[in-house]
């Protein structure tokens, strides 16, 4: 369980506790303090920096609280707080006999980091084990009687919601639509792509269906797709990403484009 003290991560903790209890598994609650994001540089002795030390103390506190919650629910748990780059540290931990990673969709990095630069998406791309992303508004009340079933071989829907300045809307919308009608449709495993634009020309929503989670992961490393993502990041006000598995999300019938209300 990756924890950063944000409301969404705390919300995901409830799901992680329920899943661990259902599986009879041990829960490792993990937090990473990033000195670079705090100071804008990487110090030689991070804990001698007052702000880093304060952040580490805060992380120790909320990890200890989370471990207490898990133990109170009857789940074996331990906590760990480290210094470093969060995505790299989580991936390193995931490679060490971890069965699954549970994360929230929105952490403390904010909406601008929720596209290519987000910790959750970076972990999704490269994790050696399943990654379960819990949306902030998901209902995780109660402990399930049995572990939920996730079909990683089933279809995957990726949704990106982009807010743009009106002056950039037409150009960016056109570039995305051209990619989806051309190279994007040729990506292995792509079943269907859709693009929606708001009438006030401030929002663009992209929905793509892939045959499987593996196909979605492979698509992230396509050079042409990467260039489009970089263009989107440079020209967006805010970015949001969601990944849906199986039949939990079904877009409307395929169209080249539509208007959002």
C-alpha atoms as a PDB file:
ATOM      1  CA  UNK A   1       0.000   0.000   0.000  1.00  0.00           C
ATOM      2  CA  UNK A   2       1.584   3.280  -1.168  1.00  0.00           C
ATOM      3  CA  UNK A   3       0.593   6.116   1.182  1.00  0.00           C
ATOM      4  CA  UNK A   4       1.353   9.844   0.916  1.00  0.00           C
ATOM      5  CA  UNK A   5      -0.979  11.296   3.528  1.00  0.00           C
ATOM      6  CA  UNK A   6      -3.420  12.687   0.958  1.00  0.00           C
ATOM      7  CA  UNK A   7      -7.189  12.154   1.430  1.00  0.00           C
ATOM      8  CA  UNK A   8      -7.310   9.895  -1.630  1.00  0.00           C
ATOM      9  CA  UNK A   9      -4.451   7.680  -0.409  1.00  0.00           C
ATOM     10  CA  UNK A  10      -6.096   7.455   2.983  1.00  0.00           C
ATOM     11  CA  UNK A  11      -9.315   6.452   1.228  1.00  0.00           C
ATOM     12  CA  UNK A  12      -7.454   3.746  -0.700  1.00  0.00           C
ATOM     13  CA  UNK A  13      -6.091   2.448   2.607  1.00  0.00           C
ATOM     14  CA  UNK A  14      -9.564   1.181   3.487  1.00  0.00           C
ATOM     15  CA  UNK A  15      -9.638  -0.880   0.316  1.00  0.00           C
ATOM     16  CA  UNK A  16      -6.101  -2.203   0.902  1.00  0.00           C
ATOM     17  CA  UNK A  17      -7.020  -3.286   4.444  1.00  0.00           C
ATOM     18  CA  UNK A  18     -10.136  -5.074   3.177  1.00  0.00           C
ATOM     19  CA  UNK A  19      -8.226  -6.795   0.387  1.00  0.00           C
ATOM     20  CA  UNK A  20      -5.426  -7.927   2.720  1.00  0.00           C
ATOM     21  CA  UNK A  21      -7.971  -9.287   5.212  1.00  0.00           C
ATOM     22  CA  UNK A  22      -9.840 -11.192   2.517  1.00  0.00           C
ATOM     23  CA  UNK A  23      -6.609 -12.684   1.190  1.00  0.00           C
ATOM     24  CA  UNK A  24      -5.084 -13.386   4.604  1.00  0.00           C
ATOM     25  CA  UNK A  25      -2.124 -11.299   3.443  1.00  0.00           C
ATOM     26  CA  UNK A  26       0.283  -9.010   5.225  1.00  0.00           C
ATOM     27  CA  UNK A  27      -0.044  -5.311   4.431  1.00  0.00           C
ATOM     28  CA  UNK A  28       3.080  -3.210   3.958  1.00  0.00           C
ATOM     29  CA  UNK A  29       2.257   0.488   4.267  1.00  0.00           C
ATOM     30  CA  UNK A  30       4.887   2.472   2.428  1.00  0.00           C
ATOM     31  CA  UNK A  31       5.588   6.191   2.135  1.00  0.00           C
ATOM     32  CA  UNK A  32       8.341   8.026   0.293  1.00  0.00           C
ATOM     33  CA  UNK A  33       9.540  11.548   1.087  1.00  0.00           C
ATOM     34  CA  UNK A  34      11.051  13.240  -1.955  1.00  0.00           C
ATOM     35  CA  UNK A  35      13.706  15.823  -0.936  1.00  0.00           C
ATOM     36  CA  UNK A  36      13.915  17.128  -4.509  1.00  0.00           C
ATOM     37  CA  UNK A  37      10.213  18.043  -4.646  1.00  0.00           C
ATOM     38  CA  UNK A  38      10.559  19.814  -1.296  1.00  0.00           C
ATOM     39  CA  UNK A  39      13.812  21.710  -1.903  1.00  0.00           C
ATOM     40  CA  UNK A  40      14.146  21.787  -5.683  1.00  0.00           C
ATOM     41  CA  UNK A  41      17.505  20.048  -5.320  1.00  0.00           C
ATOM     42  CA  UNK A  42      18.951  16.816  -3.958  1.00  0.00           C
ATOM     43  CA  UNK A  43      20.917  17.517  -0.749  1.00  0.00           C
ATOM     44  CA  UNK A  44      23.853  15.365   0.340  1.00  0.00           C
ATOM     45  CA  UNK A  45      22.383  14.993   3.844  1.00  0.00           C
ATOM     46  CA  UNK A  46      18.597  15.261   3.394  1.00  0.00           C
ATOM     47  CA  UNK A  47      17.625  14.810   7.033  1.00  0.00           C
ATOM     48  CA  UNK A  48      19.795  17.772   8.033  1.00  0.00           C
ATOM     49  CA  UNK A  49      17.426  19.978   6.010  1.00  0.00           C
ATOM     50  CA  UNK A  50      14.649  21.263   8.274  1.00  0.00           C
ATOM     51  CA  UNK A  51      11.807  20.934   5.745  1.00  0.00           C
ATOM     52  CA  UNK A  52      12.823  17.401   4.727  1.00  0.00           C
ATOM     53  CA  UNK A  53      13.122  16.327   8.358  1.00  0.00           C
ATOM     54  CA  UNK A  54       9.674  17.776   9.081  1.00  0.00           C
ATOM     55  CA  UNK A  55       8.180  15.946   6.096  1.00  0.00           C
ATOM     56  CA  UNK A  56       9.825  12.697   7.190  1.00  0.00           C
ATOM     57  CA  UNK A  57       8.406  13.116  10.703  1.00  0.00           C
ATOM     58  CA  UNK A  58       4.935  13.732   9.274  1.00  0.00           C
ATOM     59  CA  UNK A  59       5.229  10.649   7.044  1.00  0.00           C
ATOM     60  CA  UNK A  60       6.323   8.543  10.017  1.00  0.00           C
ATOM     61  CA  UNK A  61       3.235   9.733  11.870  1.00  0.00           C
ATOM     62  CA  UNK A  62       0.627   8.987   9.226  1.00  0.00           C
ATOM     63  CA  UNK A  63       2.231   5.631   8.363  1.00  0.00           C
ATOM     64  CA  UNK A  64       2.140   4.666  12.048  1.00  0.00           C
ATOM     65  CA  UNK A  65      -1.531   5.713  12.188  1.00  0.00           C
ATOM     66  CA  UNK A  66      -2.285   3.605   9.100  1.00  0.00           C
ATOM     67  CA  UNK A  67      -0.531   0.567  10.567  1.00  0.00           C
ATOM     68  CA  UNK A  68      -2.636   1.023  13.695  1.00  0.00           C
ATOM     69  CA  UNK A  69      -5.829   1.049  11.607  1.00  0.00           C
ATOM     70  CA  UNK A  70      -4.818  -2.159   9.833  1.00  0.00           C
ATOM     71  CA  UNK A  71      -3.919  -3.933  13.056  1.00  0.00           C
ATOM     72  CA  UNK A  72      -7.221  -2.856  14.604  1.00  0.00           C
ATOM     73  CA  UNK A  73      -9.002  -4.489  11.641  1.00  0.00           C
ATOM     74  CA  UNK A  74      -7.183  -7.750  12.285  1.00  0.00           C
ATOM     75  CA  UNK A  75      -4.680  -7.400   9.433  1.00  0.00           C
ATOM     76  CA  UNK A  76      -0.963  -8.069   9.884  1.00  0.00           C
ATOM     77  CA  UNK A  77       0.807  -4.870   8.890  1.00  0.00           C
ATOM     78  CA  UNK A  78       4.096  -3.038   8.992  1.00  0.00           C
ATOM     79  CA  UNK A  79       5.139   0.448   7.944  1.00  0.00           C
ATOM     80  CA  UNK A  80       8.136   1.883   6.151  1.00  0.00           C
ATOM     81  CA  UNK A  81       9.178   5.442   5.266  1.00  0.00           C
ATOM     82  CA  UNK A  82      12.081   6.149   2.918  1.00  0.00           C
ATOM     83  CA  UNK A  83      13.671   9.107   1.124  1.00  0.00           C
ATOM     84  CA  UNK A  84      13.863   9.234  -2.670  1.00  0.00           C
ATOM     85  CA  UNK A  85      11.791   9.569  -5.834  1.00  0.00           C
ATOM     86  CA  UNK A  86       8.375   8.024  -5.072  1.00  0.00           C
ATOM     87  CA  UNK A  87       7.744   6.137  -8.320  1.00  0.00           C
ATOM     88  CA  UNK A  88      11.209   4.586  -8.378  1.00  0.00           C
ATOM     89  CA  UNK A  89      11.044   3.599  -4.735  1.00  0.00           C
ATOM     90  CA  UNK A  90       7.574   2.058  -5.101  1.00  0.00           C
ATOM     91  CA  UNK A  91       8.673   0.096  -8.178  1.00  0.00           C
ATOM     92  CA  UNK A  92      11.751  -1.133  -6.341  1.00  0.00           C
ATOM     93  CA  UNK A  93       9.597  -2.259  -3.432  1.00  0.00           C
ATOM     94  CA  UNK A  94       7.108  -3.901  -5.836  1.00  0.00           C
ATOM     95  CA  UNK A  95       9.908  -6.012  -7.294  1.00  0.00           C
ATOM     96  CA  UNK A  96      10.661  -7.498  -3.861  1.00  0.00           C
ATOM     97  CA  UNK A  97       8.103 -10.251  -3.256  1.00  0.00           C
ATOM     98  CA  UNK A  98       5.031  -7.982  -3.337  1.00  0.00           C
ATOM     99  CA  UNK A  99       1.841  -9.531  -4.721  1.00  0.00           C
ATOM    100  CA  UNK A 100       0.064  -6.256  -5.553  1.00  0.00           C
ATOM    101  CA  UNK A 101       0.311  -2.483  -5.115  1.00  0.00           C
ATOM    102  CA  UNK A 102      -2.667  -0.381  -4.009  1.00  0.00           C
ATOM    103  CA  UNK A 103      -2.611   3.372  -4.668  1.00  0.00           C
ATOM    104  CA  UNK A 104      -5.002   6.318  -4.843  1.00  0.00           C
ATOM    105  CA  UNK A 105      -5.488   8.285  -8.060  1.00  0.00           C
ATOM    106  CA  UNK A 106      -4.897  11.760  -6.620  1.00  0.00           C
ATOM    107  CA  UNK A 107      -1.885  12.417  -4.418  1.00  0.00           C
ATOM    108  CA  UNK A 108      -0.264  15.548  -3.130  1.00  0.00           C
ATOM    109  CA  UNK A 109       1.373  16.395  -6.444  1.00  0.00           C
ATOM    110  CA  UNK A 110      -1.845  17.942  -7.809  1.00  0.00           C
ATOM    111  CA  UNK A 111      -3.656  17.784 -11.147  1.00  0.00           C
ATOM    112  CA  UNK A 112      -0.682  18.970 -13.199  1.00  0.00           C
ATOM    113  CA  UNK A 113       1.215  15.823 -12.228  1.00  0.00           C
ATOM    114  CA  UNK A 114      -1.643  13.451 -13.060  1.00  0.00           C
ATOM    115  CA  UNK A 115      -0.623  12.629 -16.620  1.00  0.00           C
ATOM    116  CA  UNK A 116       2.808  11.349 -17.637  1.00  0.00           C
ATOM    117  CA  UNK A 117       4.453  12.706 -14.502  1.00  0.00           C
ATOM    118  CA  UNK A 118       2.132  11.217 -11.935  1.00  0.00           C
ATOM    119  CA  UNK A 119       3.437   8.619  -9.537  1.00  0.00           C
ATOM    120  CA  UNK A 120       0.381   6.395 -10.054  1.00  0.00           C
ATOM    121  CA  UNK A 121       0.738   6.304 -13.821  1.00  0.00           C
ATOM    122  CA  UNK A 122       4.507   5.767 -13.668  1.00  0.00           C
ATOM    123  CA  UNK A 123       3.939   2.779 -11.377  1.00  0.00           C
ATOM    124  CA  UNK A 124       1.157   1.453 -13.625  1.00  0.00           C
ATOM    125  CA  UNK A 125       3.491   1.570 -16.609  1.00  0.00           C
ATOM    126  CA  UNK A 126       6.405  -0.311 -15.109  1.00  0.00           C
ATOM    127  CA  UNK A 127       5.198  -2.373 -12.143  1.00  0.00           C
ATOM    128  CA  UNK A 128       6.172  -6.067 -12.186  1.00  0.00           C
ATOM    129  CA  UNK A 129       2.990  -6.927 -10.253  1.00  0.00           C
ATOM    130  CA  UNK A 130      -0.693  -5.913 -10.450  1.00  0.00           C
ATOM    131  CA  UNK A 131      -1.453  -2.294  -9.489  1.00  0.00           C
ATOM    132  CA  UNK A 132      -4.886  -1.446  -8.093  1.00  0.00           C
ATOM    133  CA  UNK A 133      -5.857   2.217  -8.431  1.00  0.00           C
ATOM    134  CA  UNK A 134      -8.653   3.343  -6.115  1.00  0.00           C
ATOM    135  CA  UNK A 135     -10.590   6.433  -7.143  1.00  0.00           C
ATOM    136  CA  UNK A 136     -11.164   9.024  -4.440  1.00  0.00           C
ATOM    137  CA  UNK A 137     -14.954   8.636  -4.564  1.00  0.00           C
ATOM    138  CA  UNK A 138     -14.955   4.843  -4.726  1.00  0.00           C
ATOM    139  CA  UNK A 139     -17.084   3.056  -2.136  1.00  0.00           C
ATOM    140  CA  UNK A 140     -14.752   1.025   0.051  1.00  0.00           C
ATOM    141  CA  UNK A 141     -16.954   0.803   3.163  1.00  0.00           C
ATOM    142  CA  UNK A 142     -16.748  -2.539   4.915  1.00  0.00           C
ATOM    143  CA  UNK A 143     -14.480  -5.548   4.489  1.00  0.00           C
ATOM    144  CA  UNK A 144     -15.326  -7.919   1.610  1.00  0.00           C
ATOM    145  CA  UNK A 145     -16.061 -11.542   2.463  1.00  0.00           C
ATOM    146  CA  UNK A 146     -13.898 -12.714  -0.415  1.00  0.00           C
ATOM    147  CA  UNK A 147     -11.150 -11.138  -2.458  1.00  0.00           C
ATOM    148  CA  UNK A 148     -12.454  -9.268  -5.526  1.00  0.00           C
ATOM    149  CA  UNK A 149     -11.612 -10.761  -8.902  1.00  0.00           C
ATOM    150  CA  UNK A 150      -9.626  -8.675 -11.379  1.00  0.00           C
ATOM    151  CA  UNK A 151      -9.275  -9.896 -14.935  1.00  0.00           C
ATOM    152  CA  UNK A 152      -5.992  -8.465 -16.188  1.00  0.00           C
ATOM    153  CA  UNK A 153      -6.482 -10.232 -19.511  1.00  0.00           C
ATOM    154  CA  UNK A 154      -9.808  -8.476 -20.087  1.00  0.00           C
ATOM    155  CA  UNK A 155     -10.413  -5.138 -21.822  1.00  0.00           C
ATOM    156  CA  UNK A 156      -9.062  -1.898 -20.370  1.00  0.00           C
ATOM    157  CA  UNK A 157     -10.488   1.598 -20.839  1.00  0.00           C
ATOM    158  CA  UNK A 158      -8.188   4.601 -20.390  1.00  0.00           C
ATOM    159  CA  UNK A 159      -9.796   8.020 -19.923  1.00  0.00           C
ATOM    160  CA  UNK A 160      -7.949  11.345 -19.898  1.00  0.00           C
ATOM    161  CA  UNK A 161      -9.704  14.607 -19.107  1.00  0.00           C
ATOM    162  CA  UNK A 162      -7.807  17.699 -20.230  1.00  0.00           C
ATOM    163  CA  UNK A 163      -8.532  21.348 -19.465  1.00  0.00           C
ATOM    164  CA  UNK A 164      -7.074  23.803 -21.967  1.00  0.00           C
ATOM    165  CA  UNK A 165      -7.072  27.521 -22.665  1.00  0.00           C
ATOM    166  CA  UNK A 166      -9.586  28.351 -25.430  1.00  0.00           C
ATOM    167  CA  UNK A 167      -6.773  29.652 -27.640  1.00  0.00           C
ATOM    168  CA  UNK A 168      -5.169  26.182 -27.644  1.00  0.00           C
ATOM    169  CA  UNK A 169      -8.358  24.135 -27.931  1.00  0.00           C
ATOM    170  CA  UNK A 170      -8.806  23.904 -31.707  1.00  0.00           C
ATOM    171  CA  UNK A 171      -5.163  23.072 -32.450  1.00  0.00           C
ATOM    172  CA  UNK A 172      -4.811  20.510 -29.664  1.00  0.00           C
ATOM    173  CA  UNK A 173      -8.181  18.916 -30.411  1.00  0.00           C
ATOM    174  CA  UNK A 174      -7.159  18.617 -34.067  1.00  0.00           C
ATOM    175  CA  UNK A 175      -3.807  17.034 -33.241  1.00  0.00           C
ATOM    176  CA  UNK A 176      -5.407  14.481 -30.926  1.00  0.00           C
ATOM    177  CA  UNK A 177      -8.167  13.631 -33.416  1.00  0.00           C
ATOM    178  CA  UNK A 178      -5.634  13.242 -36.255  1.00  0.00           C
ATOM    179  CA  UNK A 179      -3.537  10.900 -34.141  1.00  0.00           C
ATOM    180  CA  UNK A 180      -6.548   8.812 -33.130  1.00  0.00           C
ATOM    181  CA  UNK A 181      -7.741   8.475 -36.722  1.00  0.00           C
ATOM    182  CA  UNK A 182      -4.211   7.619 -37.912  1.00  0.00           C
ATOM    183  CA  UNK A 183      -1.287   6.244 -35.870  1.00  0.00           C
ATOM    184  CA  UNK A 184      -3.384   5.809 -32.728  1.00  0.00           C
ATOM    185  CA  UNK A 185      -5.696   3.361 -34.449  1.00  0.00           C
ATOM    186  CA  UNK A 186      -2.681   1.296 -35.508  1.00  0.00           C
ATOM    187  CA  UNK A 187      -1.360   0.728 -31.973  1.00  0.00           C
ATOM    188  CA  UNK A 188      -1.407  -3.006 -31.141  1.00  0.00           C
ATOM    189  CA  UNK A 189      -4.381  -3.981 -29.020  1.00  0.00           C
ATOM    190  CA  UNK A 190      -6.465  -0.847 -29.653  1.00  0.00           C
ATOM    191  CA  UNK A 191     -10.162  -1.686 -29.993  1.00  0.00           C
ATOM    192  CA  UNK A 192     -11.756   1.753 -30.114  1.00  0.00           C
ATOM    193  CA  UNK A 193     -10.866   5.413 -29.502  1.00  0.00           C
ATOM    194  CA  UNK A 194     -13.123   8.414 -28.918  1.00  0.00           C
ATOM    195  CA  UNK A 195     -12.598  12.130 -28.401  1.00  0.00           C
ATOM    196  CA  UNK A 196     -15.052  14.596 -26.876  1.00  0.00           C
ATOM    197  CA  UNK A 197     -14.827  18.396 -26.767  1.00  0.00           C
ATOM    198  CA  UNK A 198     -16.820  20.816 -24.626  1.00  0.00           C
ATOM    199  CA  UNK A 199     -18.892  23.509 -26.304  1.00  0.00           C
ATOM    200  CA  UNK A 200     -17.030  26.247 -24.409  1.00  0.00           C
ATOM    201  CA  UNK A 201     -13.756  24.889 -25.867  1.00  0.00           C
ATOM    202  CA  UNK A 202     -12.047  24.415 -22.516  1.00  0.00           C
ATOM    203  CA  UNK A 203     -12.178  20.619 -22.020  1.00  0.00           C
ATOM    204  CA  UNK A 204     -11.170  17.596 -24.057  1.00  0.00           C
ATOM    205  CA  UNK A 205     -11.880  14.006 -23.026  1.00  0.00           C
ATOM    206  CA  UNK A 206     -10.105  11.049 -24.624  1.00  0.00           C
ATOM    207  CA  UNK A 207     -11.365   7.485 -24.195  1.00  0.00           C
ATOM    208  CA  UNK A 208      -9.442   4.494 -25.538  1.00  0.00           C
ATOM    209  CA  UNK A 209     -10.290   0.802 -25.244  1.00  0.00           C
ATOM    210  CA  UNK A 210      -7.514  -1.797 -25.318  1.00  0.00           C
ATOM    211  CA  UNK A 211      -7.819  -5.567 -25.559  1.00  0.00           C
ATOM    212  CA  UNK A 212      -5.904  -6.039 -22.308  1.00  0.00           C
ATOM    213  CA  UNK A 213      -3.888  -4.269 -19.620  1.00  0.00           C
ATOM    214  CA  UNK A 214      -0.676  -5.487 -21.303  1.00  0.00           C
ATOM    215  CA  UNK A 215      -1.697  -3.801 -24.573  1.00  0.00           C
ATOM    216  CA  UNK A 216      -2.314  -0.548 -22.710  1.00  0.00           C
ATOM    217  CA  UNK A 217       1.100  -0.749 -21.032  1.00  0.00           C
ATOM    218  CA  UNK A 218       2.861  -1.375 -24.352  1.00  0.00           C
ATOM    219  CA  UNK A 219       1.082   1.582 -25.948  1.00  0.00           C
ATOM    220  CA  UNK A 220       2.593   3.966 -23.379  1.00  0.00           C
ATOM    221  CA  UNK A 221       6.019   3.419 -24.903  1.00  0.00           C
ATOM    222  CA  UNK A 222       5.066   4.115 -28.527  1.00  0.00           C
ATOM    223  CA  UNK A 223       7.221   7.022 -29.723  1.00  0.00           C
ATOM    224  CA  UNK A 224       4.395   8.728 -31.620  1.00  0.00           C
ATOM    225  CA  UNK A 225       2.048   8.407 -28.661  1.00  0.00           C
ATOM    226  CA  UNK A 226       4.740   9.787 -26.373  1.00  0.00           C
ATOM    227  CA  UNK A 227       5.172  12.853 -28.584  1.00  0.00           C
ATOM    228  CA  UNK A 228       1.414  13.502 -28.457  1.00  0.00           C
ATOM    229  CA  UNK A 229       1.358  13.139 -24.661  1.00  0.00           C
ATOM    230  CA  UNK A 230       4.214  15.621 -24.369  1.00  0.00           C
ATOM    231  CA  UNK A 231       2.326  18.112 -26.545  1.00  0.00           C
ATOM    232  CA  UNK A 232      -0.769  17.677 -24.376  1.00  0.00           C
ATOM    233  CA  UNK A 233       1.198  18.231 -21.168  1.00  0.00           C
ATOM    234  CA  UNK A 234       2.803  21.411 -22.516  1.00  0.00           C
ATOM    235  CA  UNK A 235      -0.517  22.913 -23.606  1.00  0.00           C
ATOM    236  CA  UNK A 236      -2.885  21.876 -20.817  1.00  0.00           C
ATOM    237  CA  UNK A 237      -4.113  23.717 -17.766  1.00  0.00           C
ATOM    238  CA  UNK A 238      -5.015  20.565 -15.778  1.00  0.00           C
ATOM    239  CA  UNK A 239      -4.921  16.849 -16.526  1.00  0.00           C
ATOM    240  CA  UNK A 240      -6.752  13.877 -15.045  1.00  0.00           C
ATOM    241  CA  UNK A 241      -6.334  10.177 -15.750  1.00  0.00           C
ATOM    242  CA  UNK A 242      -8.504   7.137 -14.966  1.00  0.00           C
ATOM    243  CA  UNK A 243      -8.061   3.478 -15.883  1.00  0.00           C
ATOM    244  CA  UNK A 244     -11.056   1.107 -15.903  1.00  0.00           C
ATOM    245  CA  UNK A 245     -10.841  -2.675 -16.198  1.00  0.00           C
ATOM    246  CA  UNK A 246     -13.276  -5.186 -17.663  1.00  0.00           C
ATOM    247  CA  UNK A 247     -16.827  -3.987 -18.201  1.00  0.00           C
ATOM    248  CA  UNK A 248     -16.812  -1.464 -15.329  1.00  0.00           C
ATOM    249  CA  UNK A 249     -16.780   1.365 -17.869  1.00  0.00           C
ATOM    250  CA  UNK A 250     -18.354   1.373 -21.307  1.00  0.00           C
ATOM    251  CA  UNK A 251     -18.179   4.429 -23.570  1.00  0.00           C
ATOM    252  CA  UNK A 252     -20.911   5.313 -26.008  1.00  0.00           C
ATOM    253  CA  UNK A 253     -20.827   3.797 -29.530  1.00  0.00           C
ATOM    254  CA  UNK A 254     -17.732   4.708 -31.525  1.00  0.00           C
ATOM    255  CA  UNK A 255     -17.669   8.131 -33.164  1.00  0.00           C
ATOM    256  CA  UNK A 256     -14.863  10.304 -34.434  1.00  0.00           C
ATOM    257  CA  UNK A 257     -15.807  13.154 -32.123  1.00  0.00           C
ATOM    258  CA  UNK A 258     -18.595  14.521 -29.978  1.00  0.00           C
ATOM    259  CA  UNK A 259     -19.352  17.593 -27.919  1.00  0.00           C
ATOM    260  CA  UNK A 260     -19.435  17.540 -24.128  1.00  0.00           C
ATOM    261  CA  UNK A 261     -22.371  19.303 -22.511  1.00  0.00           C
END
